Amino acid sequence: MATTAITKDTFSSTIDSNDVVLVDFWAGWCGPCMRFAPIYEEASERHDDVVFAKVDTEDQQELSAGLEITSIPTLMAFRGGYLVFRQAGLLQGKQLDELIDQVKALDPEELKKQSEAQKA
């Protein structure tokens, strides 16, 4: 599976309609972003059950600002529509694979319970 560019118009629907979604916030002028791009792309080929989304922070400034992206690359991971990981900085291939395995292992029903408990 290849990576998918998302925008402010498709962000929520992408998160809500897929079980596991990774989102890479990047820019063309960012050296670490360019080093992470092939790592992210290769991981997308190994994990065809995960959506690998990309947000160009230059093109999607409103989305990036709304999500308080202040450093790039920033990686977010969602499981069952819930944000479960957010980190700025470059990950290596093995680290990214381990993160994906950890996200997949999370129970969406438990995440829902935790979210509801926090709201109460």
PDB file of N, CA and C in Angstrom:
ATOM      1  N   MET A   1       0.842  -1.182   0.000  1.00  0.00           N
ATOM      2  CA  MET A   1       0.000   0.000   0.000  1.00  0.00           C
ATOM      3  C   MET A   1       0.883   1.240   0.000  1.00  0.00           C
ATOM      4  N   ALA A   2       0.551   2.189  -0.799  1.00  0.00           N
ATOM      5  CA  ALA A   2       1.317   3.421  -0.873  1.00  0.00           C
ATOM      6  C   ALA A   2       0.766   4.444   0.124  1.00  0.00           C
ATOM      7  N   THR A   3       1.501   5.523   0.277  1.00  0.00           N
ATOM      8  CA  THR A   3       1.034   6.590   1.150  1.00  0.00           C
ATOM      9  C   THR A   3      -0.040   7.403   0.446  1.00  0.00           C
ATOM     10  N   THR A   4      -0.873   8.084   1.249  1.00  0.00           N
ATOM     11  CA  THR A   4      -1.994   8.855   0.739  1.00  0.00           C
ATOM     12  C   THR A   4      -1.915  10.275   1.274  1.00  0.00           C
ATOM     13  N   ALA A   5      -1.982  11.249   0.392  1.00  0.00           N
ATOM     14  CA  ALA A   5      -2.016  12.651   0.821  1.00  0.00           C
ATOM     15  C   ALA A   5      -3.411  12.970   1.338  1.00  0.00           C
ATOM     16  N   ILE A   6      -3.471  13.616   2.500  1.00  0.00           N
ATOM     17  CA  ILE A   6      -4.771  14.031   3.026  1.00  0.00           C
ATOM     18  C   ILE A   6      -4.756  15.530   3.293  1.00  0.00           C
ATOM     19  N   THR A   7      -5.950  16.100   3.332  1.00  0.00           N
ATOM     20  CA  THR A   7      -6.134  17.535   3.520  1.00  0.00           C
ATOM     21  C   THR A   7      -7.065  17.766   4.699  1.00  0.00           C
ATOM     22  N   LYS A   8      -7.321  19.029   4.993  1.00  0.00           N
ATOM     23  CA  LYS A   8      -8.264  19.335   6.086  1.00  0.00           C
ATOM     24  C   LYS A   8      -9.647  18.786   5.766  1.00  0.00           C
ATOM     25  N   ASP A   9      -9.968  18.657   4.476  1.00  0.00           N
ATOM     26  CA  ASP A   9     -11.279  18.139   4.075  1.00  0.00           C
ATOM     27  C   ASP A   9     -11.386  16.620   4.197  1.00  0.00           C
ATOM     28  N   THR A  10     -10.271  15.918   4.148  1.00  0.00           N
ATOM     29  CA  THR A  10     -10.307  14.455   4.196  1.00  0.00           C
ATOM     30  C   THR A  10      -9.719  13.871   5.485  1.00  0.00           C
ATOM     31  N   PHE A  11      -9.158  14.719   6.340  1.00  0.00           N
ATOM     32  CA  PHE A  11      -8.488  14.238   7.547  1.00  0.00           C
ATOM     33  C   PHE A  11      -9.435  13.433   8.433  1.00  0.00           C
ATOM     34  N   SER A  12     -10.531  14.030   8.858  1.00  0.00           N
ATOM     35  CA  SER A  12     -11.446  13.362   9.793  1.00  0.00           C
ATOM     36  C   SER A  12     -12.033  12.090   9.219  1.00  0.00           C
ATOM     37  N   SER A  13     -12.451  12.132   7.962  1.00  0.00           N
ATOM     38  CA  SER A  13     -13.053  10.939   7.372  1.00  0.00           C
ATOM     39  C   SER A  13     -12.030   9.814   7.245  1.00  0.00           C
ATOM     40  N   THR A  14     -10.776  10.149   6.979  1.00  0.00           N
ATOM     41  CA  THR A  14      -9.723   9.135   6.900  1.00  0.00           C
ATOM     42  C   THR A  14      -9.516   8.476   8.258  1.00  0.00           C
ATOM     43  N   ILE A  15      -9.456   9.278   9.309  1.00  0.00           N
ATOM     44  CA  ILE A  15      -9.252   8.756  10.662  1.00  0.00           C
ATOM     45  C   ILE A  15     -10.442   7.904  11.090  1.00  0.00           C
ATOM     46  N   ASP A  16     -11.644   8.411  10.826  1.00  0.00           N
ATOM     47  CA  ASP A  16     -12.861   7.750  11.306  1.00  0.00           C
ATOM     48  C   ASP A  16     -13.229   6.485  10.537  1.00  0.00           C
ATOM     49  N   SER A  17     -12.822   6.380   9.276  1.00  0.00           N
ATOM     50  CA  SER A  17     -13.264   5.251   8.459  1.00  0.00           C
ATOM     51  C   SER A  17     -12.215   4.144   8.317  1.00  0.00           C
ATOM     52  N   ASN A  18     -11.125   4.252   9.059  1.00  0.00           N
ATOM     53  CA  ASN A  18     -10.077   3.230   8.999  1.00  0.00           C
ATOM     54  C   ASN A  18      -9.661   2.833  10.408  1.00  0.00           C
ATOM     55  N   ASP A  19      -9.273   1.571  10.565  1.00  0.00           N
ATOM     56  CA  ASP A  19      -8.932   1.043  11.876  1.00  0.00           C
ATOM     57  C   ASP A  19      -7.617   1.605  12.407  1.00  0.00           C
ATOM     58  N   VAL A  20      -6.567   1.543  11.607  1.00  0.00           N
ATOM     59  CA  VAL A  20      -5.255   2.057  12.007  1.00  0.00           C
ATOM     60  C   VAL A  20      -4.784   3.046  10.944  1.00  0.00           C
ATOM     61  N   VAL A  21      -4.478   4.256  11.408  1.00  0.00           N
ATOM     62  CA  VAL A  21      -4.022   5.309  10.499  1.00  0.00           C
ATOM     63  C   VAL A  21      -2.779   5.963  11.088  1.00  0.00           C
ATOM     64  N   LEU A  22      -1.747   6.060  10.289  1.00  0.00           N
ATOM     65  CA  LEU A  22      -0.567   6.847  10.639  1.00  0.00           C
ATOM     66  C   LEU A  22      -0.593   8.098   9.790  1.00  0.00           C
ATOM     67  N   VAL A  23      -0.225   9.222  10.386  1.00  0.00           N
ATOM     68  CA  VAL A  23      -0.192  10.483   9.646  1.00  0.00           C
ATOM     69  C   VAL A  23       1.177  11.115   9.837  1.00  0.00           C
ATOM     70  N   ASP A  24       1.846  11.351   8.722  1.00  0.00           N
ATOM     71  CA  ASP A  24       3.161  11.985   8.702  1.00  0.00           C
ATOM     72  C   ASP A  24       2.975  13.441   8.277  1.00  0.00           C
ATOM     73  N   PHE A  25       3.339  14.373   9.156  1.00  0.00           N
ATOM     74  CA  PHE A  25       3.316  15.798   8.832  1.00  0.00           C
ATOM     75  C   PHE A  25       4.712  16.186   8.391  1.00  0.00           C
ATOM     76  N   TRP A  26       4.825  16.765   7.196  1.00  0.00           N
ATOM     77  CA  TRP A  26       6.122  16.989   6.584  1.00  0.00           C
ATOM     78  C   TRP A  26       6.107  18.271   5.753  1.00  0.00           C
ATOM     79  N   ALA A  27       7.273  18.647   5.242  1.00  0.00           N
ATOM     80  CA  ALA A  27       7.413  19.747   4.281  1.00  0.00           C
ATOM     81  C   ALA A  27       8.609  19.450   3.387  1.00  0.00           C
ATOM     82  N   GLY A  28       8.538  19.945   2.168  1.00  0.00           N
ATOM     83  CA  GLY A  28       9.585  19.679   1.188  1.00  0.00           C
ATOM     84  C   GLY A  28      10.938  20.264   1.536  1.00  0.00           C
ATOM     85  N   TRP A  29      10.976  21.307   2.348  1.00  0.00           N
ATOM     86  CA  TRP A  29      12.242  21.952   2.718  1.00  0.00           C
ATOM     87  C   TRP A  29      12.888  21.311   3.945  1.00  0.00           C
ATOM     88  N   CYS A  30      12.220  20.345   4.554  1.00  0.00           N
ATOM     89  CA  CYS A  30      12.651  19.739   5.824  1.00  0.00           C
ATOM     90  C   CYS A  30      13.542  18.522   5.555  1.00  0.00           C
ATOM     91  N   GLY A  31      14.820  18.642   5.890  1.00  0.00           N
ATOM     92  CA  GLY A  31      15.763  17.547   5.679  1.00  0.00           C
ATOM     93  C   GLY A  31      15.368  16.254   6.378  1.00  0.00           C
ATOM     94  N   PRO A  32      15.057  16.293   7.682  1.00  0.00           N
ATOM     95  CA  PRO A  32      14.639  15.067   8.361  1.00  0.00           C
ATOM     96  C   PRO A  32      13.368  14.462   7.745  1.00  0.00           C
ATOM     97  N   CYS A  33      12.479  15.316   7.246  1.00  0.00           N
ATOM     98  CA  CYS A  33      11.258  14.818   6.588  1.00  0.00           C
ATOM     99  C   CYS A  33      11.616  14.022   5.335  1.00  0.00           C
ATOM    100  N   MET A  34      12.578  14.529   4.590  1.00  0.00           N
ATOM    101  CA  MET A  34      12.983  13.859   3.358  1.00  0.00           C
ATOM    102  C   MET A  34      13.697  12.545   3.665  1.00  0.00           C
ATOM    103  N   ARG A  35      14.416  12.474   4.790  1.00  0.00           N
ATOM    104  CA  ARG A  35      15.061  11.217   5.185  1.00  0.00           C
ATOM    105  C   ARG A  35      14.022  10.205   5.683  1.00  0.00           C
ATOM    106  N   PHE A  36      12.943  10.691   6.317  1.00  0.00           N
ATOM    107  CA  PHE A  36      11.904   9.806   6.835  1.00  0.00           C
ATOM    108  C   PHE A  36      10.993   9.288   5.720  1.00  0.00           C
ATOM    109  N   ALA A  37      10.821  10.044   4.652  1.00  0.00           N
ATOM    110  CA  ALA A  37       9.874   9.683   3.576  1.00  0.00           C
ATOM    111  C   ALA A  37      10.075   8.263   3.050  1.00  0.00           C
ATOM    112  N   PRO A  38      11.288   7.834   2.685  1.00  0.00           N
ATOM    113  CA  PRO A  38      11.433   6.466   2.178  1.00  0.00           C
ATOM    114  C   PRO A  38      11.199   5.396   3.257  1.00  0.00           C
ATOM    115  N   ILE A  39      11.508   5.705   4.504  1.00  0.00           N
ATOM    116  CA  ILE A  39      11.254   4.775   5.608  1.00  0.00           C
ATOM    117  C   ILE A  39       9.751   4.560   5.738  1.00  0.00           C
ATOM    118  N   TYR A  40       9.012   5.656   5.694  1.00  0.00           N
ATOM    119  CA  TYR A  40       7.551   5.625   5.809  1.00  0.00           C
ATOM    120  C   TYR A  40       6.938   4.879   4.629  1.00  0.00           C
ATOM    121  N   GLU A  41       7.433   5.154   3.440  1.00  0.00           N
ATOM    122  CA  GLU A  41       6.936   4.494   2.225  1.00  0.00           C
ATOM    123  C   GLU A  41       7.197   2.992   2.275  1.00  0.00           C
ATOM    124  N   GLU A  42       8.397   2.595   2.698  1.00  0.00           N
ATOM    125  CA  GLU A  42       8.721   1.167   2.797  1.00  0.00           C
ATOM    126  C   GLU A  42       7.820   0.469   3.821  1.00  0.00           C
ATOM    127  N   ALA A  43       7.548   1.137   4.937  1.00  0.00           N
ATOM    128  CA  ALA A  43       6.663   0.554   5.957  1.00  0.00           C
ATOM    129  C   ALA A  43       5.258   0.364   5.392  1.00  0.00           C
ATOM    130  N   SER A  44       4.834   1.278   4.530  1.00  0.00           N
ATOM    131  CA  SER A  44       3.492   1.155   3.942  1.00  0.00           C
ATOM    132  C   SER A  44       3.384  -0.097   3.081  1.00  0.00           C
ATOM    133  N   GLU A  45       4.491  -0.532   2.525  1.00  0.00           N
ATOM    134  CA  GLU A  45       4.498  -1.753   1.715  1.00  0.00           C
ATOM    135  C   GLU A  45       4.431  -3.010   2.599  1.00  0.00           C
ATOM    136  N   ARG A  46       4.947  -2.913   3.818  1.00  0.00           N
ATOM    137  CA  ARG A  46       4.954  -4.062   4.732  1.00  0.00           C
ATOM    138  C   ARG A  46       3.652  -4.200   5.519  1.00  0.00           C
ATOM    139  N   HIS A  47       2.908  -3.124   5.662  1.00  0.00           N
ATOM    140  CA  HIS A  47       1.705  -3.126   6.508  1.00  0.00           C
ATOM    141  C   HIS A  47       0.504  -2.686   5.679  1.00  0.00           C
ATOM    142  N   ASP A  48      -0.020  -3.609   4.873  1.00  0.00           N
ATOM    143  CA  ASP A  48      -1.103  -3.240   3.969  1.00  0.00           C
ATOM    144  C   ASP A  48      -2.446  -3.072   4.661  1.00  0.00           C
ATOM    145  N   ASP A  49      -2.509  -3.352   5.962  1.00  0.00           N
ATOM    146  CA  ASP A  49      -3.744  -3.160   6.714  1.00  0.00           C
ATOM    147  C   ASP A  49      -3.762  -1.824   7.469  1.00  0.00           C
ATOM    148  N   VAL A  50      -2.783  -0.971   7.197  1.00  0.00           N
ATOM    149  CA  VAL A  50      -2.661   0.333   7.844  1.00  0.00           C
ATOM    150  C   VAL A  50      -2.722   1.416   6.766  1.00  0.00           C
ATOM    151  N   VAL A  51      -3.420   2.516   7.069  1.00  0.00           N
ATOM    152  CA  VAL A  51      -3.431   3.663   6.159  1.00  0.00           C
ATOM    153  C   VAL A  51      -2.240   4.550   6.532  1.00  0.00           C
ATOM    154  N   PHE A  52      -1.398   4.809   5.563  1.00  0.00           N
ATOM    155  CA  PHE A  52      -0.238   5.679   5.736  1.00  0.00           C
ATOM    156  C   PHE A  52      -0.555   7.004   5.045  1.00  0.00           C
ATOM    157  N   ALA A  53      -0.947   7.988   5.839  1.00  0.00           N
ATOM    158  CA  ALA A  53      -1.336   9.288   5.311  1.00  0.00           C
ATOM    159  C   ALA A  53      -0.195  10.281   5.481  1.00  0.00           C
ATOM    160  N   LYS A  54      -0.197  11.287   4.601  1.00  0.00           N
ATOM    161  CA  LYS A  54       0.811  12.342   4.662  1.00  0.00           C
ATOM    162  C   LYS A  54       0.103  13.685   4.571  1.00  0.00           C
ATOM    163  N   VAL A  55       0.587  14.641   5.366  1.00  0.00           N
ATOM    164  CA  VAL A  55       0.075  16.006   5.319  1.00  0.00           C
ATOM    165  C   VAL A  55       1.239  16.938   5.035  1.00  0.00           C
ATOM    166  N   ASP A  56       1.168  17.620   3.898  1.00  0.00           N
ATOM    167  CA  ASP A  56       2.156  18.635   3.542  1.00  0.00           C
ATOM    168  C   ASP A  56       1.821  19.889   4.347  1.00  0.00           C
ATOM    169  N   THR A  57       2.646  20.198   5.333  1.00  0.00           N
ATOM    170  CA  THR A  57       2.343  21.310   6.241  1.00  0.00           C
ATOM    171  C   THR A  57       2.368  22.665   5.537  1.00  0.00           C
ATOM    172  N   GLU A  58       3.076  22.761   4.435  1.00  0.00           N
ATOM    173  CA  GLU A  58       3.084  24.013   3.671  1.00  0.00           C
ATOM    174  C   GLU A  58       1.752  24.204   2.949  1.00  0.00           C
ATOM    175  N   ASP A  59       1.234  23.139   2.397  1.00  0.00           N
ATOM    176  CA  ASP A  59      -0.025  23.188   1.654  1.00  0.00           C
ATOM    177  C   ASP A  59      -1.231  23.190   2.589  1.00  0.00           C
ATOM    178  N   GLN A  60      -1.113  22.532   3.718  1.00  0.00           N
ATOM    179  CA  GLN A  60      -2.229  22.371   4.658  1.00  0.00           C
ATOM    180  C   GLN A  60      -1.941  23.100   5.975  1.00  0.00           C
ATOM    181  N   GLN A  61      -1.685  24.395   5.868  1.00  0.00           N
ATOM    182  CA  GLN A  61      -1.310  25.178   7.048  1.00  0.00           C
ATOM    183  C   GLN A  61      -2.441  25.253   8.078  1.00  0.00           C
ATOM    184  N   GLU A  62      -3.676  25.356   7.615  1.00  0.00           N
ATOM    185  CA  GLU A  62      -4.800  25.439   8.543  1.00  0.00           C
ATOM    186  C   GLU A  62      -4.936  24.145   9.352  1.00  0.00           C
ATOM    187  N   LEU A  63      -4.836  23.014   8.680  1.00  0.00           N
ATOM    188  CA  LEU A  63      -4.906  21.715   9.366  1.00  0.00           C
ATOM    189  C   LEU A  63      -3.751  21.571  10.348  1.00  0.00           C
ATOM    190  N   SER A  64      -2.546  21.887   9.901  1.00  0.00           N
ATOM    191  CA  SER A  64      -1.360  21.761  10.749  1.00  0.00           C
ATOM    192  C   SER A  64      -1.462  22.658  11.985  1.00  0.00           C
ATOM    193  N   ALA A  65      -1.927  23.883  11.788  1.00  0.00           N
ATOM    194  CA  ALA A  65      -2.077  24.801  12.922  1.00  0.00           C
ATOM    195  C   ALA A  65      -3.155  24.302  13.878  1.00  0.00           C
ATOM    196  N   GLY A  66      -4.250  23.803  13.336  1.00  0.00           N
ATOM    197  CA  GLY A  66      -5.336  23.297  14.166  1.00  0.00           C
ATOM    198  C   GLY A  66      -4.919  22.108  15.019  1.00  0.00           C
ATOM    199  N   LEU A  67      -3.968  21.330  14.526  1.00  0.00           N
ATOM    200  CA  LEU A  67      -3.462  20.166  15.264  1.00  0.00           C
ATOM    201  C   LEU A  67      -2.204  20.493  16.064  1.00  0.00           C
ATOM    202  N   GLU A  68      -1.856  21.789  16.080  1.00  0.00           N
ATOM    203  CA  GLU A  68      -0.698  22.283  16.833  1.00  0.00           C
ATOM    204  C   GLU A  68       0.601  21.590  16.447  1.00  0.00           C
ATOM    205  N   ILE A  69       0.805  21.441  15.140  1.00  0.00           N
ATOM    206  CA  ILE A  69       2.056  20.882  14.642  1.00  0.00           C
ATOM    207  C   ILE A  69       3.090  22.003  14.642  1.00  0.00           C
ATOM    208  N   THR A  70       4.084  21.889  15.502  1.00  0.00           N
ATOM    209  CA  THR A  70       5.108  22.928  15.616  1.00  0.00           C
ATOM    210  C   THR A  70       6.488  22.455  15.190  1.00  0.00           C
ATOM    211  N   SER A  71       6.670  21.155  15.057  1.00  0.00           N
ATOM    212  CA  SER A  71       7.936  20.571  14.612  1.00  0.00           C
ATOM    213  C   SER A  71       7.621  19.491  13.593  1.00  0.00           C
ATOM    214  N   ILE A  72       8.480  19.382  12.601  1.00  0.00           N
ATOM    215  CA  ILE A  72       8.302  18.326  11.610  1.00  0.00           C
ATOM    216  C   ILE A  72       9.630  17.617  11.406  1.00  0.00           C
ATOM    217  N   PRO A  73       9.581  16.337  11.066  1.00  0.00           N
ATOM    218  CA  PRO A  73       8.363  15.567  10.894  1.00  0.00           C
ATOM    219  C   PRO A  73       7.678  15.291  12.239  1.00  0.00           C
ATOM    220  N   THR A  74       6.371  15.249  12.201  1.00  0.00           N
ATOM    221  CA  THR A  74       5.578  14.790  13.341  1.00  0.00           C
ATOM    222  C   THR A  74       4.763  13.605  12.857  1.00  0.00           C
ATOM    223  N   LEU A  75       4.738  12.563  13.646  1.00  0.00           N
ATOM    224  CA  LEU A  75       3.970  11.365  13.318  1.00  0.00           C
ATOM    225  C   LEU A  75       2.852  11.201  14.337  1.00  0.00           C
ATOM    226  N   MET A  76       1.637  10.980  13.837  1.00  0.00           N
ATOM    227  CA  MET A  76       0.493  10.669  14.690  1.00  0.00           C
ATOM    228  C   MET A  76      -0.004   9.285  14.313  1.00  0.00           C
ATOM    229  N   ALA A  77      -0.485   8.550  15.311  1.00  0.00           N
ATOM    230  CA  ALA A  77      -1.079   7.238  15.061  1.00  0.00           C
ATOM    231  C   ALA A  77      -2.469   7.214  15.695  1.00  0.00           C
ATOM    232  N   PHE A  78      -3.420   6.679  14.938  1.00  0.00           N
ATOM    233  CA  PHE A  78      -4.800   6.573  15.382  1.00  0.00           C
ATOM    234  C   PHE A  78      -5.228   5.117  15.325  1.00  0.00           C
ATOM    235  N   ARG A  79      -5.976   4.703  16.347  1.00  0.00           N
ATOM    236  CA  ARG A  79      -6.527   3.335  16.387  1.00  0.00           C
ATOM    237  C   ARG A  79      -8.007   3.475  16.682  1.00  0.00           C
ATOM    238  N   GLY A  80      -8.837   2.996  15.790  1.00  0.00           N
ATOM    239  CA  GLY A  80     -10.280   3.086  15.989  1.00  0.00           C
ATOM    240  C   GLY A  80     -10.771   4.513  16.119  1.00  0.00           C
ATOM    241  N   GLY A  81     -10.090   5.448  15.482  1.00  0.00           N
ATOM    242  CA  GLY A  81     -10.485   6.851  15.531  1.00  0.00           C
ATOM    243  C   GLY A  81      -9.891   7.635  16.689  1.00  0.00           C
ATOM    244  N   TYR A  82      -9.122   6.980  17.545  1.00  0.00           N
ATOM    245  CA  TYR A  82      -8.536   7.638  18.715  1.00  0.00           C
ATOM    246  C   TYR A  82      -7.045   7.883  18.496  1.00  0.00           C
ATOM    247  N   LEU A  83      -6.596   9.082  18.845  1.00  0.00           N
ATOM    248  CA  LEU A  83      -5.179   9.391  18.794  1.00  0.00           C
ATOM    249  C   LEU A  83      -4.478   8.632  19.906  1.00  0.00           C
ATOM    250  N   VAL A  84      -3.522   7.782  19.534  1.00  0.00           N
ATOM    251  CA  VAL A  84      -2.826   6.956  20.522  1.00  0.00           C
ATOM    252  C   VAL A  84      -1.325   7.225  20.568  1.00  0.00           C
ATOM    253  N   PHE A  85      -0.824   8.024  19.622  1.00  0.00           N
ATOM    254  CA  PHE A  85       0.605   8.317  19.581  1.00  0.00           C
ATOM    255  C   PHE A  85       0.808   9.616  18.824  1.00  0.00           C
ATOM    256  N   ARG A  86       1.712  10.428  19.352  1.00  0.00           N
ATOM    257  CA  ARG A  86       2.089  11.673  18.678  1.00  0.00           C
ATOM    258  C   ARG A  86       3.516  11.992  19.084  1.00  0.00           C
ATOM    259  N   GLN A  87       4.372  12.155  18.071  1.00  0.00           N
ATOM    260  CA  GLN A  87       5.776  12.435  18.356  1.00  0.00           C
ATOM    261  C   GLN A  87       6.409  13.176  17.199  1.00  0.00           C
ATOM    262  N   ALA A  88       7.172  14.197  17.533  1.00  0.00           N
ATOM    263  CA  ALA A  88       7.974  14.886  16.521  1.00  0.00           C
ATOM    264  C   ALA A  88       9.322  14.184  16.438  1.00  0.00           C
ATOM    265  N   GLY A  89       9.865  14.145  15.237  1.00  0.00           N
ATOM    266  CA  GLY A  89      11.179  13.553  15.051  1.00  0.00           C
ATOM    267  C   GLY A  89      11.155  12.358  14.124  1.00  0.00           C
ATOM    268  N   LEU A  90      12.320  11.984  13.729  1.00  0.00           N
ATOM    269  CA  LEU A  90      12.533  10.923  12.757  1.00  0.00           C
ATOM    270  C   LEU A  90      12.579   9.564  13.448  1.00  0.00           C
ATOM    271  N   LEU A  91      11.845   8.601  12.906  1.00  0.00           N
ATOM    272  CA  LEU A  91      11.914   7.216  13.378  1.00  0.00           C
ATOM    273  C   LEU A  91      12.652   6.381  12.336  1.00  0.00           C
ATOM    274  N   GLN A  92      13.364   5.370  12.798  1.00  0.00           N
ATOM    275  CA  GLN A  92      13.994   4.415  11.896  1.00  0.00           C
ATOM    276  C   GLN A  92      12.978   3.320  11.558  1.00  0.00           C
ATOM    277  N   GLY A  93      13.263   2.525  10.554  1.00  0.00           N
ATOM    278  CA  GLY A  93      12.338   1.500  10.094  1.00  0.00           C
ATOM    279  C   GLY A  93      11.894   0.537  11.178  1.00  0.00           C
ATOM    280  N   LYS A  94      12.842   0.032  11.966  1.00  0.00           N
ATOM    281  CA  LYS A  94      12.502  -0.918  13.022  1.00  0.00           C
ATOM    282  C   LYS A  94      11.626  -0.248  14.079  1.00  0.00           C
ATOM    283  N   GLN A  95      11.934   0.990  14.426  1.00  0.00           N
ATOM    284  CA  GLN A  95      11.126   1.722  15.409  1.00  0.00           C
ATOM    285  C   GLN A  95       9.701   1.916  14.892  1.00  0.00           C
ATOM    286  N   LEU A  96       9.580   2.240  13.620  1.00  0.00           N
ATOM    287  CA  LEU A  96       8.259   2.444  13.034  1.00  0.00           C
ATOM    288  C   LEU A  96       7.466   1.146  13.020  1.00  0.00           C
ATOM    289  N   ASP A  97       8.100   0.044  12.661  1.00  0.00           N
ATOM    290  CA  ASP A  97       7.424  -1.266  12.683  1.00  0.00           C
ATOM    291  C   ASP A  97       6.964  -1.629  14.094  1.00  0.00           C
ATOM    292  N   GLU A  98       7.800  -1.366  15.082  1.00  0.00           N
ATOM    293  CA  GLU A  98       7.435  -1.657  16.472  1.00  0.00           C
ATOM    294  C   GLU A  98       6.248  -0.797  16.908  1.00  0.00           C
ATOM    295  N   LEU A  99       6.263   0.473  16.528  1.00  0.00           N
ATOM    296  CA  LEU A  99       5.143   1.356  16.849  1.00  0.00           C
ATOM    297  C   LEU A  99       3.853   0.835  16.227  1.00  0.00           C
ATOM    298  N   ILE A 100       3.914   0.445  14.970  1.00  0.00           N
ATOM    299  CA  ILE A 100       2.734  -0.068  14.276  1.00  0.00           C
ATOM    300  C   ILE A 100       2.196  -1.307  14.985  1.00  0.00           C
ATOM    301  N   ASP A 101       3.074  -2.213  15.372  1.00  0.00           N
ATOM    302  CA  ASP A 101       2.646  -3.414  16.086  1.00  0.00           C
ATOM    303  C   ASP A 101       1.968  -3.055  17.409  1.00  0.00           C
ATOM    304  N   GLN A 102       2.504  -2.067  18.114  1.00  0.00           N
ATOM    305  CA  GLN A 102       1.917  -1.646  19.383  1.00  0.00           C
ATOM    306  C   GLN A 102       0.532  -1.015  19.166  1.00  0.00           C
ATOM    307  N   VAL A 103       0.399  -0.214  18.124  1.00  0.00           N
ATOM    308  CA  VAL A 103      -0.889   0.418  17.829  1.00  0.00           C
ATOM    309  C   VAL A 103      -1.922  -0.646  17.454  1.00  0.00           C
ATOM    310  N   LYS A 104      -1.522  -1.606  16.640  1.00  0.00           N
ATOM    311  CA  LYS A 104      -2.432  -2.681  16.242  1.00  0.00           C
ATOM    312  C   LYS A 104      -2.885  -3.510  17.448  1.00  0.00           C
ATOM    313  N   ALA A 105      -2.032  -3.633  18.445  1.00  0.00           N
ATOM    314  CA  ALA A 105      -2.350  -4.455  19.618  1.00  0.00           C
ATOM    315  C   ALA A 105      -3.346  -3.781  20.566  1.00  0.00           C
ATOM    316  N   LEU A 106      -3.563  -2.490  20.403  1.00  0.00           N
ATOM    317  CA  LEU A 106      -4.498  -1.787  21.272  1.00  0.00           C
ATOM    318  C   LEU A 106      -5.932  -2.226  20.991  1.00  0.00           C
ATOM    319  N   ASP A 107      -6.728  -2.303  22.034  1.00  0.00           N
ATOM    320  CA  ASP A 107      -8.130  -2.703  21.935  1.00  0.00           C
ATOM    321  C   ASP A 107      -8.992  -1.453  21.730  1.00  0.00           C
ATOM    322  N   PRO A 108      -9.639  -1.308  20.568  1.00  0.00           N
ATOM    323  CA  PRO A 108     -10.460  -0.115  20.314  1.00  0.00           C
ATOM    324  C   PRO A 108     -11.589   0.068  21.333  1.00  0.00           C
ATOM    325  N   GLU A 109     -12.152  -1.027  21.816  1.00  0.00           N
ATOM    326  CA  GLU A 109     -13.218  -0.914  22.819  1.00  0.00           C
ATOM    327  C   GLU A 109     -12.677  -0.347  24.130  1.00  0.00           C
ATOM    328  N   GLU A 110     -11.474  -0.747  24.481  1.00  0.00           N
ATOM    329  CA  GLU A 110     -10.849  -0.216  25.698  1.00  0.00           C
ATOM    330  C   GLU A 110     -10.532   1.276  25.516  1.00  0.00           C
ATOM    331  N   LEU A 111     -10.088   1.656  24.337  1.00  0.00           N
ATOM    332  CA  LEU A 111      -9.828   3.068  24.058  1.00  0.00           C
ATOM    333  C   LEU A 111     -11.110   3.887  24.185  1.00  0.00           C
ATOM    334  N   LYS A 112     -12.206   3.314  23.694  1.00  0.00           N
ATOM    335  CA  LYS A 112     -13.504   3.996  23.785  1.00  0.00           C
ATOM    336  C   LYS A 112     -13.909   4.179  25.248  1.00  0.00           C
ATOM    337  N   LYS A 113     -13.746   3.131  26.057  1.00  0.00           N
ATOM    338  CA  LYS A 113     -14.059   3.215  27.475  1.00  0.00           C
ATOM    339  C   LYS A 113     -13.215   4.283  28.176  1.00  0.00           C
ATOM    340  N   GLN A 114     -11.933   4.308  27.867  1.00  0.00           N
ATOM    341  CA  GLN A 114     -11.044   5.285  28.467  1.00  0.00           C
ATOM    342  C   GLN A 114     -11.438   6.708  28.072  1.00  0.00           C
ATOM    343  N   SER A 115     -11.794   6.890  26.825  1.00  0.00           N
ATOM    344  CA  SER A 115     -12.205   8.194  26.341  1.00  0.00           C
ATOM    345  C   SER A 115     -13.490   8.667  27.035  1.00  0.00           C
ATOM    346  N   GLU A 116     -14.438   7.756  27.167  1.00  0.00           N
ATOM    347  CA  GLU A 116     -15.694   8.099  27.834  1.00  0.00           C
ATOM    348  C   GLU A 116     -15.468   8.404  29.314  1.00  0.00           C
ATOM    349  N   ALA A 117     -14.563   7.684  29.946  1.00  0.00           N
ATOM    350  CA  ALA A 117     -14.258   7.935  31.364  1.00  0.00           C
ATOM    351  C   ALA A 117     -13.613   9.304  31.545  1.00  0.00           C
ATOM    352  N   GLN A 118     -12.777   9.695  30.610  1.00  0.00           N
ATOM    353  CA  GLN A 118     -12.120  11.002  30.698  1.00  0.00           C
ATOM    354  C   GLN A 118     -13.124  12.136  30.504  1.00  0.00           C
ATOM    355  N   LYS A 119     -14.134  11.908  29.678  1.00  0.00           N
ATOM    356  CA  LYS A 119     -15.147  12.936  29.439  1.00  0.00           C
ATOM    357  C   LYS A 119     -16.089  13.100  30.630  1.00  0.00           C
ATOM    358  N   ALA A 120     -16.245  12.027  31.415  1.00  0.00           N
ATOM    359  CA  ALA A 120     -17.196  12.050  32.551  1.00  0.00           C
ATOM    360  C   ALA A 120     -16.646  12.813  33.750  1.00  0.00           C
TER     361      ALA A 120
END
